[in-house]
Amino acid sequence: MPALKSAIIILISLFCFLFSGANAVFAAVVYLDPPQGNFQFGQTFIVSVKIDTGGECVNAAKVDIAFDQNVMRFVDFDRGNSIISLWMDAPSGQTGSSGKISFSGGMPGGYCGEIAGVSGESNVLAKLVFKTAEMRVVADTEPVSATVDISDSSEVYLHDGAGTKAALVARGAVYNFFQHTGLPRDEWQEAIRNDNTPPEQFELKLSRDPLMFDNRYFITFITTDKQTGIDRYEVSETPLGSKQEKDLWVVAVSPYALKDQALGSKIKVKAVDKAGNETIAEFTSGVAPTPVRPVNLVYMLAFLVAVIGIGWYLVKAFKKRSKRHE
């Protein structure tokens, strides 16, 4: 009996130790999908950057990726199905010429491993589009291998109100490239051709704030695209009563300071996805959908609290990046 009693005590102690230390050993897993693959020279293919939170909630991520630019090059960046909604740094097709790619952003409200109402994949941070080197003559038929690694400088932060950095497990990928006599496949162009869905409907908000644009009127806007992702926004301001037949579009980002501060124009904002599908939101600035009231101290404090609340979640995630630029 004493031996049995001792064994039970040891088992209970081990059980308590394992479960009491669950939070301490938690690690977010950031990985590439597919983890391996075979592609022909000249082919364009897509690699998804995904996250497994292990049931924990996270709200910010910074991902640094290194690849062999002698064998492949980075050509585009797809955030259409990304769980990141507040982007701080999204690379363009030129940023990967050095063999390095970085992106970062936040998930206000936190991401806990699934999104309500979303079926299928809901753990994609971003999708990277690569193109392999053009076909070349080699001495043998053995494929050429290249790695894509998630760097140790990558970071994920918990949604705990304190910006706690999570332990991170990074899983890269190994790809093989080979000669082929057929026409190289272009997965990205296939995705673009199959994207017939325009960006989601959105609204424009007219505001004025002494802390922004020298107290001039500005508009804010944002939307998402579920397939190839938003490529750009364009803004048009047409004076009321104008006989101008075509809108004069200019590429813009939100927030956007209006050129017509007299509010006598029809304002349009066009969201364009990677496939060229468009969604347009508009209103007549003289009849704003959101009343603009004088800014007082209470409003300013509320604004600052909101900014600080979001910044608190993200600032630590990007502190290393800031130090590198000092």
C-alpha atoms as a PDB file:
ATOM      1  CA  MET A   1       0.000   0.000   0.000  1.00  0.00           C
ATOM      2  CA  PRO A   2       2.725   2.535   0.841  1.00  0.00           C
ATOM      3  CA  ALA A   3       4.300   1.920  -2.576  1.00  0.00           C
ATOM      4  CA  LEU A   4       0.956   2.343  -4.332  1.00  0.00           C
ATOM      5  CA  LYS A   5       0.268   5.523  -2.363  1.00  0.00           C
ATOM      6  CA  SER A   6       3.668   6.936  -3.291  1.00  0.00           C
ATOM      7  CA  ALA A   7       3.080   6.138  -6.970  1.00  0.00           C
ATOM      8  CA  ILE A   8      -0.280   7.922  -6.924  1.00  0.00           C
ATOM      9  CA  ILE A   9       1.274  10.991  -5.302  1.00  0.00           C
ATOM     10  CA  ILE A  10       4.039  11.048  -7.934  1.00  0.00           C
ATOM     11  CA  LEU A  11       1.506  10.776 -10.780  1.00  0.00           C
ATOM     12  CA  ILE A  12      -0.654  13.570  -9.331  1.00  0.00           C
ATOM     13  CA  SER A  13       2.409  15.765  -8.877  1.00  0.00           C
ATOM     14  CA  LEU A  14       3.504  15.115 -12.442  1.00  0.00           C
ATOM     15  CA  PHE A  15      -0.009  15.892 -13.722  1.00  0.00           C
ATOM     16  CA  CYS A  16      -0.117  19.201 -11.830  1.00  0.00           C
ATOM     17  CA  PHE A  17       3.369  20.128 -13.018  1.00  0.00           C
ATOM     18  CA  LEU A  18       2.543  19.545 -16.664  1.00  0.00           C
ATOM     19  CA  PHE A  19      -0.689  21.521 -16.620  1.00  0.00           C
ATOM     20  CA  SER A  20       0.520  24.332 -14.397  1.00  0.00           C
ATOM     21  CA  GLY A  21       3.364  24.894 -16.832  1.00  0.00           C
ATOM     22  CA  ALA A  22       1.185  24.890 -19.944  1.00  0.00           C
ATOM     23  CA  ASN A  23       1.255  28.661 -20.316  1.00  0.00           C
ATOM     24  CA  ALA A  24       4.975  28.808 -19.706  1.00  0.00           C
ATOM     25  CA  VAL A  25       5.782  26.425 -22.555  1.00  0.00           C
ATOM     26  CA  PHE A  26       3.234  27.859 -24.992  1.00  0.00           C
ATOM     27  CA  ALA A  27       4.744  28.843 -28.313  1.00  0.00           C
ATOM     28  CA  ALA A  28       3.124  30.278 -31.407  1.00  0.00           C
ATOM     29  CA  VAL A  29       4.084  28.392 -34.559  1.00  0.00           C
ATOM     30  CA  VAL A  30       4.636  30.412 -37.727  1.00  0.00           C
ATOM     31  CA  TYR A  31       5.129  28.187 -40.735  1.00  0.00           C
ATOM     32  CA  LEU A  32       5.163  28.068 -44.526  1.00  0.00           C
ATOM     33  CA  ASP A  33       2.678  26.108 -46.604  1.00  0.00           C
ATOM     34  CA  PRO A  34       3.573  24.086 -48.577  1.00  0.00           C
ATOM     35  CA  PRO A  35       6.611  23.073 -46.517  1.00  0.00           C
ATOM     36  CA  GLN A  36       8.155  21.432 -49.558  1.00  0.00           C
ATOM     37  CA  GLY A  37       7.463  21.161 -53.264  1.00  0.00           C
ATOM     38  CA  ASN A  38       8.801  20.625 -56.767  1.00  0.00           C
ATOM     39  CA  PHE A  39       8.643  23.453 -59.294  1.00  0.00           C
ATOM     40  CA  GLN A  40      10.034  23.907 -62.760  1.00  0.00           C
ATOM     41  CA  PHE A  41      12.340  26.740 -63.769  1.00  0.00           C
ATOM     42  CA  GLY A  42      10.349  29.788 -64.848  1.00  0.00           C
ATOM     43  CA  GLN A  43       7.327  28.844 -62.740  1.00  0.00           C
ATOM     44  CA  THR A  44       5.437  31.275 -60.494  1.00  0.00           C
ATOM     45  CA  PHE A  45       4.057  29.797 -57.286  1.00  0.00           C
ATOM     46  CA  ILE A  46       2.393  30.903 -54.046  1.00  0.00           C
ATOM     47  CA  VAL A  47       3.589  30.233 -50.498  1.00  0.00           C
ATOM     48  CA  SER A  48       1.250  30.875 -47.544  1.00  0.00           C
ATOM     49  CA  VAL A  49       2.611  32.174 -44.236  1.00  0.00           C
ATOM     50  CA  LYS A  50       0.406  30.691 -41.507  1.00  0.00           C
ATOM     51  CA  ILE A  51       0.187  30.750 -37.733  1.00  0.00           C
ATOM     52  CA  ASP A  52      -0.877  28.182 -35.142  1.00  0.00           C
ATOM     53  CA  THR A  53      -1.641  29.896 -31.837  1.00  0.00           C
ATOM     54  CA  GLY A  54      -2.256  26.675 -29.914  1.00  0.00           C
ATOM     55  CA  GLY A  55      -5.540  28.074 -28.596  1.00  0.00           C
ATOM     56  CA  GLU A  56      -3.923  31.229 -27.191  1.00  0.00           C
ATOM     57  CA  CYS A  57      -4.917  34.713 -28.353  1.00  0.00           C
ATOM     58  CA  VAL A  58      -2.438  36.931 -30.201  1.00  0.00           C
ATOM     59  CA  ASN A  59      -2.790  40.427 -31.602  1.00  0.00           C
ATOM     60  CA  ALA A  60       0.399  41.354 -33.460  1.00  0.00           C
ATOM     61  CA  ALA A  61       2.986  39.700 -35.649  1.00  0.00           C
ATOM     62  CA  LYS A  62       6.180  40.699 -37.374  1.00  0.00           C
ATOM     63  CA  VAL A  63       7.551  38.168 -39.842  1.00  0.00           C
ATOM     64  CA  ASP A  64      10.992  38.268 -41.454  1.00  0.00           C
ATOM     65  CA  ILE A  65      11.713  35.814 -44.247  1.00  0.00           C
ATOM     66  CA  ALA A  66      14.960  34.942 -46.037  1.00  0.00           C
ATOM     67  CA  PHE A  67      15.245  33.066 -49.331  1.00  0.00           C
ATOM     68  CA  ASP A  68      17.810  32.204 -51.978  1.00  0.00           C
ATOM     69  CA  GLN A  69      17.519  34.991 -54.557  1.00  0.00           C
ATOM     70  CA  ASN A  70      19.868  33.118 -56.900  1.00  0.00           C
ATOM     71  CA  VAL A  71      17.179  30.540 -57.547  1.00  0.00           C
ATOM     72  CA  MET A  72      13.942  32.449 -56.958  1.00  0.00           C
ATOM     73  CA  ARG A  73      12.657  35.999 -56.640  1.00  0.00           C
ATOM     74  CA  PHE A  74       9.790  37.635 -54.787  1.00  0.00           C
ATOM     75  CA  VAL A  75       7.251  39.206 -57.149  1.00  0.00           C
ATOM     76  CA  ASP A  76       4.080  40.000 -55.190  1.00  0.00           C
ATOM     77  CA  PHE A  77       2.301  39.919 -51.852  1.00  0.00           C
ATOM     78  CA  ASP A  78      -1.278  38.745 -51.306  1.00  0.00           C
ATOM     79  CA  ARG A  79      -3.142  39.739 -48.126  1.00  0.00           C
ATOM     80  CA  GLY A  80      -6.640  38.926 -49.381  1.00  0.00           C
ATOM     81  CA  ASN A  81      -7.439  36.296 -46.734  1.00  0.00           C
ATOM     82  CA  SER A  82      -5.085  37.581 -44.073  1.00  0.00           C
ATOM     83  CA  ILE A  83      -6.158  37.645 -40.421  1.00  0.00           C
ATOM     84  CA  ILE A  84      -4.126  40.864 -40.106  1.00  0.00           C
ATOM     85  CA  SER A  85      -6.453  43.842 -40.402  1.00  0.00           C
ATOM     86  CA  LEU A  86      -4.156  46.655 -39.267  1.00  0.00           C
ATOM     87  CA  TRP A  87      -1.104  46.669 -41.519  1.00  0.00           C
ATOM     88  CA  MET A  88       2.036  48.443 -40.373  1.00  0.00           C
ATOM     89  CA  ASP A  89       4.415  47.203 -43.052  1.00  0.00           C
ATOM     90  CA  ALA A  90       3.385  45.313 -46.183  1.00  0.00           C
ATOM     91  CA  PRO A  91       6.161  44.654 -48.729  1.00  0.00           C
ATOM     92  CA  SER A  92       5.870  45.341 -52.420  1.00  0.00           C
ATOM     93  CA  GLY A  93       7.293  43.225 -55.223  1.00  0.00           C
ATOM     94  CA  GLN A  94      10.609  45.088 -55.085  1.00  0.00           C
ATOM     95  CA  THR A  95      11.457  44.584 -51.417  1.00  0.00           C
ATOM     96  CA  GLY A  96      12.513  40.971 -51.854  1.00  0.00           C
ATOM     97  CA  SER A  97      15.334  41.672 -54.320  1.00  0.00           C
ATOM     98  CA  SER A  98      17.880  41.236 -51.508  1.00  0.00           C
ATOM     99  CA  GLY A  99      16.546  37.825 -50.576  1.00  0.00           C
ATOM    100  CA  LYS A 100      14.688  39.205 -47.558  1.00  0.00           C
ATOM    101  CA  ILE A 101      10.997  39.965 -46.988  1.00  0.00           C
ATOM    102  CA  SER A 102       9.404  41.584 -43.946  1.00  0.00           C
ATOM    103  CA  PHE A 103       5.823  42.361 -43.039  1.00  0.00           C
ATOM    104  CA  SER A 104       4.051  43.282 -39.828  1.00  0.00           C
ATOM    105  CA  GLY A 105       0.622  44.163 -38.544  1.00  0.00           C
ATOM    106  CA  GLY A 106      -1.951  43.779 -35.844  1.00  0.00           C
ATOM    107  CA  MET A 107      -5.203  41.978 -35.120  1.00  0.00           C
ATOM    108  CA  PRO A 108      -7.207  44.415 -32.934  1.00  0.00           C
ATOM    109  CA  GLY A 109      -9.444  42.400 -30.638  1.00  0.00           C
ATOM    110  CA  GLY A 110      -7.083  39.440 -30.857  1.00  0.00           C
ATOM    111  CA  TYR A 111      -6.959  36.248 -32.897  1.00  0.00           C
ATOM    112  CA  CYS A 112      -7.460  32.996 -30.968  1.00  0.00           C
ATOM    113  CA  GLY A 113      -7.101  30.381 -33.683  1.00  0.00           C
ATOM    114  CA  GLU A 114     -10.388  30.796 -35.503  1.00  0.00           C
ATOM    115  CA  ILE A 115     -12.694  33.499 -36.811  1.00  0.00           C
ATOM    116  CA  ALA A 116     -16.443  33.305 -36.273  1.00  0.00           C
ATOM    117  CA  GLY A 117     -18.360  32.734 -39.494  1.00  0.00           C
ATOM    118  CA  VAL A 118     -15.269  31.835 -41.522  1.00  0.00           C
ATOM    119  CA  SER A 119     -15.058  28.322 -42.927  1.00  0.00           C
ATOM    120  CA  GLY A 120     -11.861  26.735 -44.190  1.00  0.00           C
ATOM    121  CA  GLU A 121      -8.494  28.391 -43.651  1.00  0.00           C
ATOM    122  CA  SER A 122      -8.540  31.196 -41.110  1.00  0.00           C
ATOM    123  CA  ASN A 123      -4.916  31.254 -40.006  1.00  0.00           C
ATOM    124  CA  VAL A 124      -3.202  32.904 -42.987  1.00  0.00           C
ATOM    125  CA  LEU A 125      -0.979  35.883 -42.192  1.00  0.00           C
ATOM    126  CA  ALA A 126      -0.099  36.533 -45.835  1.00  0.00           C
ATOM    127  CA  LYS A 127       0.684  34.841 -49.125  1.00  0.00           C
ATOM    128  CA  LEU A 128       3.977  35.336 -50.915  1.00  0.00           C
ATOM    129  CA  VAL A 129       4.316  35.045 -54.681  1.00  0.00           C
ATOM    130  CA  PHE A 130       7.662  33.753 -55.965  1.00  0.00           C
ATOM    131  CA  LYS A 131       9.009  33.150 -59.439  1.00  0.00           C
ATOM    132  CA  THR A 132      11.814  30.682 -60.028  1.00  0.00           C
ATOM    133  CA  ALA A 133      14.837  31.443 -62.167  1.00  0.00           C
ATOM    134  CA  GLU A 134      14.310  31.056 -65.902  1.00  0.00           C
ATOM    135  CA  MET A 135      15.111  27.739 -67.541  1.00  0.00           C
ATOM    136  CA  ARG A 136      18.835  27.131 -67.769  1.00  0.00           C
ATOM    137  CA  VAL A 137      21.170  24.472 -69.044  1.00  0.00           C
ATOM    138  CA  VAL A 138      22.701  22.313 -66.320  1.00  0.00           C
ATOM    139  CA  ALA A 139      25.195  19.485 -66.501  1.00  0.00           C
ATOM    140  CA  ASP A 140      22.880  16.947 -64.926  1.00  0.00           C
ATOM    141  CA  THR A 141      19.209  16.323 -64.340  1.00  0.00           C
ATOM    142  CA  GLU A 142      19.330  16.677 -60.563  1.00  0.00           C
ATOM    143  CA  PRO A 143      16.961  19.350 -59.219  1.00  0.00           C
ATOM    144  CA  VAL A 144      18.291  22.525 -57.624  1.00  0.00           C
ATOM    145  CA  SER A 145      17.189  22.975 -54.003  1.00  0.00           C
ATOM    146  CA  ALA A 146      16.526  26.237 -52.184  1.00  0.00           C
ATOM    147  CA  THR A 147      15.276  27.083 -48.708  1.00  0.00           C
ATOM    148  CA  VAL A 148      12.840  29.725 -47.524  1.00  0.00           C
ATOM    149  CA  ASP A 149      13.385  30.451 -43.839  1.00  0.00           C
ATOM    150  CA  ILE A 150      11.446  32.368 -41.219  1.00  0.00           C
ATOM    151  CA  SER A 151      14.119  34.387 -39.421  1.00  0.00           C
ATOM    152  CA  ASP A 152      14.739  34.407 -35.679  1.00  0.00           C
ATOM    153  CA  SER A 153      13.909  38.135 -35.656  1.00  0.00           C
ATOM    154  CA  SER A 154      10.231  37.324 -36.270  1.00  0.00           C
ATOM    155  CA  GLU A 155       7.892  38.114 -33.366  1.00  0.00           C
ATOM    156  CA  VAL A 156       4.365  37.319 -32.179  1.00  0.00           C
ATOM    157  CA  TYR A 157       2.673  39.105 -29.269  1.00  0.00           C
ATOM    158  CA  LEU A 158      -0.068  37.878 -26.973  1.00  0.00           C
ATOM    159  CA  HIS A 159      -3.436  39.570 -26.627  1.00  0.00           C
ATOM    160  CA  ASP A 160      -3.040  39.994 -22.878  1.00  0.00           C
ATOM    161  CA  GLY A 161      -3.129  43.765 -22.494  1.00  0.00           C
ATOM    162  CA  ALA A 162       0.588  43.896 -21.726  1.00  0.00           C
ATOM    163  CA  GLY A 163       2.158  43.230 -25.105  1.00  0.00           C
ATOM    164  CA  THR A 164       3.825  40.037 -23.901  1.00  0.00           C
ATOM    165  CA  LYS A 165       6.052  38.423 -26.485  1.00  0.00           C
ATOM    166  CA  ALA A 166       5.140  34.813 -27.169  1.00  0.00           C
ATOM    167  CA  ALA A 167       7.726  32.104 -27.617  1.00  0.00           C
ATOM    168  CA  LEU A 168       7.988  31.445 -31.335  1.00  0.00           C
ATOM    169  CA  VAL A 169       8.589  28.263 -33.295  1.00  0.00           C
ATOM    170  CA  ALA A 170       9.461  28.953 -36.934  1.00  0.00           C
ATOM    171  CA  ARG A 171       9.149  26.338 -39.660  1.00  0.00           C
ATOM    172  CA  GLY A 172      10.556  27.148 -43.078  1.00  0.00           C
ATOM    173  CA  ALA A 173      10.368  25.273 -46.356  1.00  0.00           C
ATOM    174  CA  VAL A 174      12.591  23.510 -48.886  1.00  0.00           C
ATOM    175  CA  TYR A 175      11.749  23.626 -52.588  1.00  0.00           C
ATOM    176  CA  ASN A 176      13.263  21.776 -55.539  1.00  0.00           C
ATOM    177  CA  PHE A 177      13.502  23.263 -59.031  1.00  0.00           C
ATOM    178  CA  PHE A 178      13.952  21.256 -62.199  1.00  0.00           C
ATOM    179  CA  GLN A 179      14.046  21.483 -65.964  1.00  0.00           C
ATOM    180  CA  HIS A 180      10.867  20.891 -67.922  1.00  0.00           C
ATOM    181  CA  THR A 181      10.046  21.170 -71.587  1.00  0.00           C
ATOM    182  CA  GLY A 182       6.474  22.346 -71.084  1.00  0.00           C
ATOM    183  CA  LEU A 183       5.199  25.875 -70.480  1.00  0.00           C
ATOM    184  CA  PRO A 184       5.922  26.947 -66.858  1.00  0.00           C
ATOM    185  CA  ARG A 185       2.831  27.296 -64.689  1.00  0.00           C
ATOM    186  CA  ASP A 186       1.926  30.699 -63.239  1.00  0.00           C
ATOM    187  CA  GLU A 187      -0.207  30.135 -60.114  1.00  0.00           C
ATOM    188  CA  TRP A 188      -0.513  33.853 -59.396  1.00  0.00           C
ATOM    189  CA  GLN A 189      -1.927  34.740 -62.811  1.00  0.00           C
ATOM    190  CA  GLU A 190      -4.307  31.806 -62.472  1.00  0.00           C
ATOM    191  CA  ALA A 191      -5.538  33.222 -59.165  1.00  0.00           C
ATOM    192  CA  ILE A 192      -5.945  36.657 -60.726  1.00  0.00           C
ATOM    193  CA  ARG A 193      -7.857  35.275 -63.713  1.00  0.00           C
ATOM    194  CA  ASN A 194     -10.188  33.395 -61.370  1.00  0.00           C
ATOM    195  CA  ASP A 195     -10.823  36.441 -59.189  1.00  0.00           C
ATOM    196  CA  ASN A 196     -14.153  37.879 -60.318  1.00  0.00           C
ATOM    197  CA  THR A 197     -15.196  39.113 -56.889  1.00  0.00           C
ATOM    198  CA  PRO A 198     -14.834  42.853 -56.196  1.00  0.00           C
ATOM    199  CA  PRO A 199     -13.715  44.226 -52.833  1.00  0.00           C
ATOM    200  CA  GLU A 200     -16.275  44.428 -50.026  1.00  0.00           C
ATOM    201  CA  GLN A 201     -18.645  47.413 -49.904  1.00  0.00           C
ATOM    202  CA  PHE A 202     -17.427  50.229 -47.677  1.00  0.00           C
ATOM    203  CA  GLU A 203     -18.318  53.719 -46.477  1.00  0.00           C
ATOM    204  CA  LEU A 204     -16.551  57.068 -46.400  1.00  0.00           C
ATOM    205  CA  LYS A 205     -16.263  59.094 -43.233  1.00  0.00           C
ATOM    206  CA  LEU A 206     -15.741  62.859 -43.294  1.00  0.00           C
ATOM    207  CA  SER A 207     -13.886  64.357 -40.342  1.00  0.00           C
ATOM    208  CA  ARG A 208     -11.851  67.302 -39.183  1.00  0.00           C
ATOM    209  CA  ASP A 209      -9.383  67.324 -36.320  1.00  0.00           C
ATOM    210  CA  PRO A 210      -6.858  69.964 -35.208  1.00  0.00           C
ATOM    211  CA  LEU A 211      -4.339  67.154 -34.666  1.00  0.00           C
ATOM    212  CA  MET A 212      -4.431  66.098 -38.323  1.00  0.00           C
ATOM    213  CA  PHE A 213      -3.865  67.930 -41.614  1.00  0.00           C
ATOM    214  CA  ASP A 214      -3.844  71.366 -39.875  1.00  0.00           C
ATOM    215  CA  ASN A 215      -7.546  71.011 -39.059  1.00  0.00           C
ATOM    216  CA  ARG A 216      -8.519  70.524 -42.708  1.00  0.00           C
ATOM    217  CA  TYR A 217     -11.346  68.191 -43.719  1.00  0.00           C
ATOM    218  CA  PHE A 218     -10.288  64.649 -44.512  1.00  0.00           C
ATOM    219  CA  ILE A 219     -11.926  61.335 -45.333  1.00  0.00           C
ATOM    220  CA  THR A 220     -11.168  57.862 -44.024  1.00  0.00           C
ATOM    221  CA  PHE A 221     -11.953  54.557 -45.687  1.00  0.00           C
ATOM    222  CA  ILE A 222     -11.030  50.890 -45.553  1.00  0.00           C
ATOM    223  CA  THR A 223     -12.265  47.624 -47.002  1.00  0.00           C
ATOM    224  CA  THR A 224     -11.104  44.063 -47.653  1.00  0.00           C
ATOM    225  CA  ASP A 225     -10.907  41.709 -50.604  1.00  0.00           C
ATOM    226  CA  LYS A 226     -11.338  37.990 -49.999  1.00  0.00           C
ATOM    227  CA  GLN A 227      -9.375  36.700 -52.981  1.00  0.00           C
ATOM    228  CA  THR A 228      -6.295  38.424 -54.417  1.00  0.00           C
ATOM    229  CA  GLY A 229      -6.365  41.337 -51.953  1.00  0.00           C
ATOM    230  CA  ILE A 230      -6.577  45.116 -52.214  1.00  0.00           C
ATOM    231  CA  ASP A 231      -4.053  46.578 -54.640  1.00  0.00           C
ATOM    232  CA  ARG A 232      -4.768  50.305 -54.178  1.00  0.00           C
ATOM    233  CA  TYR A 233      -7.305  53.028 -53.467  1.00  0.00           C
ATOM    234  CA  GLU A 234      -8.108  55.957 -55.759  1.00  0.00           C
ATOM    235  CA  VAL A 235      -9.941  59.201 -54.930  1.00  0.00           C
ATOM    236  CA  SER A 236     -11.889  61.564 -57.184  1.00  0.00           C
ATOM    237  CA  GLU A 237     -13.290  65.002 -56.278  1.00  0.00           C
ATOM    238  CA  THR A 238     -15.748  66.460 -58.813  1.00  0.00           C
ATOM    239  CA  PRO A 239     -17.212  69.964 -58.188  1.00  0.00           C
ATOM    240  CA  LEU A 240     -21.005  69.975 -57.979  1.00  0.00           C
ATOM    241  CA  GLY A 241     -22.584  71.165 -61.228  1.00  0.00           C
ATOM    242  CA  SER A 242     -19.421  70.389 -63.183  1.00  0.00           C
ATOM    243  CA  LYS A 243     -19.861  69.191 -66.768  1.00  0.00           C
ATOM    244  CA  GLN A 244     -16.788  67.023 -66.392  1.00  0.00           C
ATOM    245  CA  GLU A 245     -17.662  63.648 -67.907  1.00  0.00           C
ATOM    246  CA  LYS A 246     -14.879  61.537 -66.427  1.00  0.00           C
ATOM    247  CA  ASP A 247     -13.718  61.217 -62.861  1.00  0.00           C
ATOM    248  CA  LEU A 248     -10.134  62.274 -62.328  1.00  0.00           C
ATOM    249  CA  TRP A 249      -8.743  59.536 -60.134  1.00  0.00           C
ATOM    250  CA  VAL A 250      -5.602  59.859 -58.030  1.00  0.00           C
ATOM    251  CA  VAL A 251      -3.983  57.059 -56.024  1.00  0.00           C
ATOM    252  CA  ALA A 252      -4.514  57.724 -52.314  1.00  0.00           C
ATOM    253  CA  VAL A 253      -4.273  56.259 -48.838  1.00  0.00           C
ATOM    254  CA  SER A 254      -6.541  56.676 -45.828  1.00  0.00           C
ATOM    255  CA  PRO A 255      -6.784  59.195 -44.216  1.00  0.00           C
ATOM    256  CA  TYR A 256      -6.907  61.525 -47.221  1.00  0.00           C
ATOM    257  CA  ALA A 257      -7.044  65.341 -46.953  1.00  0.00           C
ATOM    258  CA  LEU A 258      -9.641  66.769 -49.330  1.00  0.00           C
ATOM    259  CA  LYS A 259      -8.521  69.323 -51.881  1.00  0.00           C
ATOM    260  CA  ASP A 260     -11.956  70.969 -51.825  1.00  0.00           C
ATOM    261  CA  GLN A 261     -12.115  72.351 -48.285  1.00  0.00           C
ATOM    262  CA  ALA A 262     -15.293  74.260 -49.166  1.00  0.00           C
ATOM    263  CA  LEU A 263     -17.091  70.898 -49.310  1.00  0.00           C
ATOM    264  CA  GLY A 264     -18.694  71.539 -52.651  1.00  0.00           C
ATOM    265  CA  SER A 265     -17.720  68.351 -54.446  1.00  0.00           C
ATOM    266  CA  LYS A 266     -18.871  64.824 -55.001  1.00  0.00           C
ATOM    267  CA  ILE A 267     -16.305  62.515 -53.434  1.00  0.00           C
ATOM    268  CA  LYS A 268     -15.632  59.028 -54.747  1.00  0.00           C
ATOM    269  CA  VAL A 269     -13.199  56.409 -53.480  1.00  0.00           C
ATOM    270  CA  LYS A 270     -12.421  53.352 -55.572  1.00  0.00           C
ATOM    271  CA  ALA A 271     -10.979  50.178 -54.070  1.00  0.00           C
ATOM    272  CA  VAL A 272      -9.168  48.056 -56.669  1.00  0.00           C
ATOM    273  CA  ASP A 273      -8.040  44.490 -56.070  1.00  0.00           C
ATOM    274  CA  LYS A 274      -5.093  42.716 -57.702  1.00  0.00           C
ATOM    275  CA  ALA A 275      -7.327  41.429 -60.498  1.00  0.00           C
ATOM    276  CA  GLY A 276      -8.625  44.909 -61.326  1.00  0.00           C
ATOM    277  CA  ASN A 277     -12.096  44.405 -59.812  1.00  0.00           C
ATOM    278  CA  GLU A 278     -13.453  47.639 -58.373  1.00  0.00           C
ATOM    279  CA  THR A 279     -15.837  48.795 -55.675  1.00  0.00           C
ATOM    280  CA  ILE A 280     -16.725  52.489 -55.426  1.00  0.00           C
ATOM    281  CA  ALA A 281     -18.038  54.389 -52.422  1.00  0.00           C
ATOM    282  CA  GLU A 282     -19.207  57.985 -52.743  1.00  0.00           C
ATOM    283  CA  PHE A 283     -20.997  60.886 -51.151  1.00  0.00           C
ATOM    284  CA  THR A 284     -21.483  64.591 -51.756  1.00  0.00           C
ATOM    285  CA  SER A 285     -19.126  66.262 -49.318  1.00  0.00           C
ATOM    286  CA  GLY A 286     -21.558  69.115 -48.760  1.00  0.00           C
ATOM    287  CA  VAL A 287     -24.008  66.571 -47.312  1.00  0.00           C
ATOM    288  CA  ALA A 288     -21.689  64.504 -45.156  1.00  0.00           C
ATOM    289  CA  PRO A 289     -23.002  61.184 -43.793  1.00  0.00           C
ATOM    290  CA  THR A 290     -21.052  61.785 -40.586  1.00  0.00           C
ATOM    291  CA  PRO A 291     -21.696  65.170 -38.903  1.00  0.00           C
ATOM    292  CA  VAL A 292     -18.555  67.116 -38.147  1.00  0.00           C
ATOM    293  CA  ARG A 293     -18.707  68.697 -34.718  1.00  0.00           C
ATOM    294  CA  PRO A 294     -16.268  71.106 -33.074  1.00  0.00           C
ATOM    295  CA  VAL A 295     -13.437  69.293 -31.394  1.00  0.00           C
ATOM    296  CA  ASN A 296     -13.308  69.699 -27.630  1.00  0.00           C
ATOM    297  CA  LEU A 297     -11.028  68.416 -24.926  1.00  0.00           C
ATOM    298  CA  VAL A 298     -13.144  65.319 -24.243  1.00  0.00           C
ATOM    299  CA  TYR A 299     -13.044  64.341 -27.912  1.00  0.00           C
ATOM    300  CA  MET A 300      -9.293  64.836 -28.073  1.00  0.00           C
ATOM    301  CA  LEU A 301      -8.769  62.694 -24.970  1.00  0.00           C
ATOM    302  CA  ALA A 302     -10.996  59.933 -26.374  1.00  0.00           C
ATOM    303  CA  PHE A 303      -9.029  60.034 -29.611  1.00  0.00           C
ATOM    304  CA  LEU A 304      -5.715  59.761 -27.794  1.00  0.00           C
ATOM    305  CA  VAL A 305      -6.965  56.890 -25.623  1.00  0.00           C
ATOM    306  CA  ALA A 306      -8.049  54.980 -28.735  1.00  0.00           C
ATOM    307  CA  VAL A 307      -4.690  55.536 -30.410  1.00  0.00           C
ATOM    308  CA  ILE A 308      -2.790  54.508 -27.285  1.00  0.00           C
ATOM    309  CA  GLY A 309      -4.967  51.406 -26.891  1.00  0.00           C
ATOM    310  CA  ILE A 310      -4.061  50.141 -30.362  1.00  0.00           C
ATOM    311  CA  GLY A 311      -0.480  51.303 -30.095  1.00  0.00           C
ATOM    312  CA  TRP A 312      -0.008  49.425 -26.832  1.00  0.00           C
ATOM    313  CA  TYR A 313      -0.689  46.167 -28.612  1.00  0.00           C
ATOM    314  CA  LEU A 314       1.707  46.896 -31.456  1.00  0.00           C
ATOM    315  CA  VAL A 315       4.571  49.018 -30.172  1.00  0.00           C
ATOM    316  CA  LYS A 316       6.571  46.214 -28.591  1.00  0.00           C
ATOM    317  CA  ALA A 317       6.180  44.062 -31.679  1.00  0.00           C
ATOM    318  CA  PHE A 318       8.020  46.615 -33.738  1.00  0.00           C
ATOM    319  CA  LYS A 319      10.599  47.940 -31.251  1.00  0.00           C
ATOM    320  CA  LYS A 320      13.459  45.985 -32.832  1.00  0.00           C
ATOM    321  CA  ARG A 321      12.620  47.395 -36.228  1.00  0.00           C
ATOM    322  CA  SER A 322      12.619  50.923 -34.820  1.00  0.00           C
ATOM    323  CA  LYS A 323      16.018  50.437 -33.176  1.00  0.00           C
ATOM    324  CA  ARG A 324      17.542  49.277 -36.443  1.00  0.00           C
ATOM    325  CA  HIS A 325      16.605  52.593 -38.036  1.00  0.00           C
ATOM    326  CA  GLU A 326      18.061  54.744 -35.262  1.00  0.00           C
END
